[in-house]
Amino acid sequence: MSPFPDFLAPSLILSTLLAFLWGTLWFVWRGRTLADWIIDVLAALLGFGLGQLVGWLLGLGLPTIGEVRVVEGSLFALLALWLTQRLRRSPSG
């Protein structure tokens, strides 16, 4: 019997874990509060998902782990994290 529910694909679990990892690492590097961590994780999840979609649409031959496009997902997750940090930065700062 599988330790994961049947409705969760392994690629979805891996993608979520990788995005969560990127968001948490970004928070460790740049974050200050719990709200920062939540925003960073959500941005990484959104960016990673968008990277998956773009990688699938473009059909790039970059390395994958199963169906997970790690390179594209990671690049878009980092881009989303950078953009959210830029948008949250105070104008006076």
Protein backbone atom coordinates (compact mmCIF):
# COMPACT_ATOMS: atom_id res chain seq x y z
CA MET A 1 0.00 0.00 0.00
CA SER A 2 1.28 3.45 -0.96
CA PRO A 3 2.03 5.92 1.86
CA PHE A 4 0.44 8.70 -0.25
CA PRO A 5 -3.25 9.08 -1.05
CA ASP A 6 -4.23 7.82 -4.49
CA PHE A 7 -5.46 11.25 -5.59
CA LEU A 8 -2.04 12.89 -5.11
CA ALA A 9 0.34 12.27 -7.98
CA PRO A 10 4.01 11.89 -7.02
CA SER A 11 4.89 14.71 -9.41
CA LEU A 12 2.52 17.04 -7.56
CA ILE A 13 4.05 16.10 -4.22
CA LEU A 14 7.60 16.62 -5.52
CA SER A 15 6.70 19.94 -7.14
CA THR A 16 5.09 21.17 -3.94
CA LEU A 17 8.07 20.10 -1.83
CA LEU A 18 10.56 21.78 -4.16
CA ALA A 19 8.56 25.02 -4.24
CA PHE A 20 8.18 24.90 -0.45
CA LEU A 21 11.95 24.41 -0.16
CA TRP A 22 12.68 27.39 -2.43
CA GLY A 23 10.27 29.60 -0.49
CA THR A 24 11.73 28.57 2.86
CA LEU A 25 15.33 29.03 1.70
CA TRP A 26 14.46 32.48 0.38
CA PHE A 27 12.85 33.33 3.72
CA VAL A 28 15.93 32.16 5.63
CA TRP A 29 18.02 34.44 3.43
CA ARG A 30 15.73 37.50 3.19
CA GLY A 31 12.71 37.13 5.48
CA ARG A 32 11.89 38.64 8.85
CA THR A 33 8.40 37.66 9.97
CA LEU A 34 5.97 34.78 9.71
CA ALA A 35 4.01 36.79 7.14
CA ASP A 36 7.18 37.01 5.02
CA TRP A 37 7.51 33.22 5.13
CA ILE A 38 3.89 32.67 4.11
CA ILE A 39 4.19 35.13 1.22
CA ASP A 40 7.49 33.59 0.12
CA VAL A 41 6.11 30.06 0.10
CA LEU A 42 3.00 31.12 -1.81
CA ALA A 43 5.10 33.04 -4.34
CA ALA A 44 7.40 30.05 -4.81
CA LEU A 45 4.42 27.71 -5.30
CA LEU A 46 2.89 30.03 -7.87
CA GLY A 47 6.21 30.55 -9.65
CA PHE A 48 7.06 26.86 -9.68
CA GLY A 49 3.65 26.02 -11.13
CA LEU A 50 4.01 28.69 -13.79
CA GLY A 51 7.47 27.35 -14.62
CA GLN A 52 5.99 23.88 -15.04
CA LEU A 53 3.40 25.24 -17.43
CA VAL A 54 5.88 27.28 -19.47
CA GLY A 55 8.30 24.35 -19.66
CA TRP A 56 5.52 22.06 -20.84
CA LEU A 57 4.28 24.57 -23.44
CA LEU A 58 7.76 25.25 -24.80
CA GLY A 59 8.78 21.60 -24.69
CA LEU A 60 12.34 22.39 -23.68
CA GLY A 61 14.68 19.44 -23.37
CA LEU A 62 15.97 20.42 -19.94
CA PRO A 63 16.43 17.78 -17.23
CA THR A 64 13.35 16.52 -15.43
CA ILE A 65 12.61 14.27 -12.49
CA GLY A 66 9.79 12.15 -13.79
CA GLU A 67 7.23 14.67 -15.00
CA VAL A 68 8.61 17.52 -12.87
CA ARG A 69 10.47 20.20 -14.82
CA VAL A 70 12.91 21.11 -12.09
CA VAL A 71 14.94 23.72 -13.99
CA GLU A 72 12.00 25.72 -15.34
CA GLY A 73 10.07 25.44 -12.08
CA SER A 74 13.04 26.56 -10.00
CA LEU A 75 13.84 29.50 -12.28
CA PHE A 76 10.26 30.74 -12.20
CA ALA A 77 10.01 30.19 -8.44
CA LEU A 78 13.12 32.31 -7.90
CA LEU A 79 11.79 34.94 -10.29
CA ALA A 80 8.50 35.07 -8.41
CA LEU A 81 10.33 35.36 -5.08
CA TRP A 82 12.49 38.18 -6.40
CA LEU A 83 9.47 40.00 -7.82
CA THR A 84 7.48 39.74 -4.60
CA GLN A 85 10.44 41.05 -2.63
CA ARG A 86 10.77 44.01 -5.00
CA LEU A 87 7.03 44.75 -4.74
CA ARG A 88 7.08 44.56 -0.93
CA ARG A 89 10.12 46.79 -0.56
CA SER A 90 9.23 50.17 0.91
CA PRO A 91 9.68 53.17 -1.40
CA SER A 92 11.72 55.01 1.21
CA GLY A 93 14.01 52.02 1.89
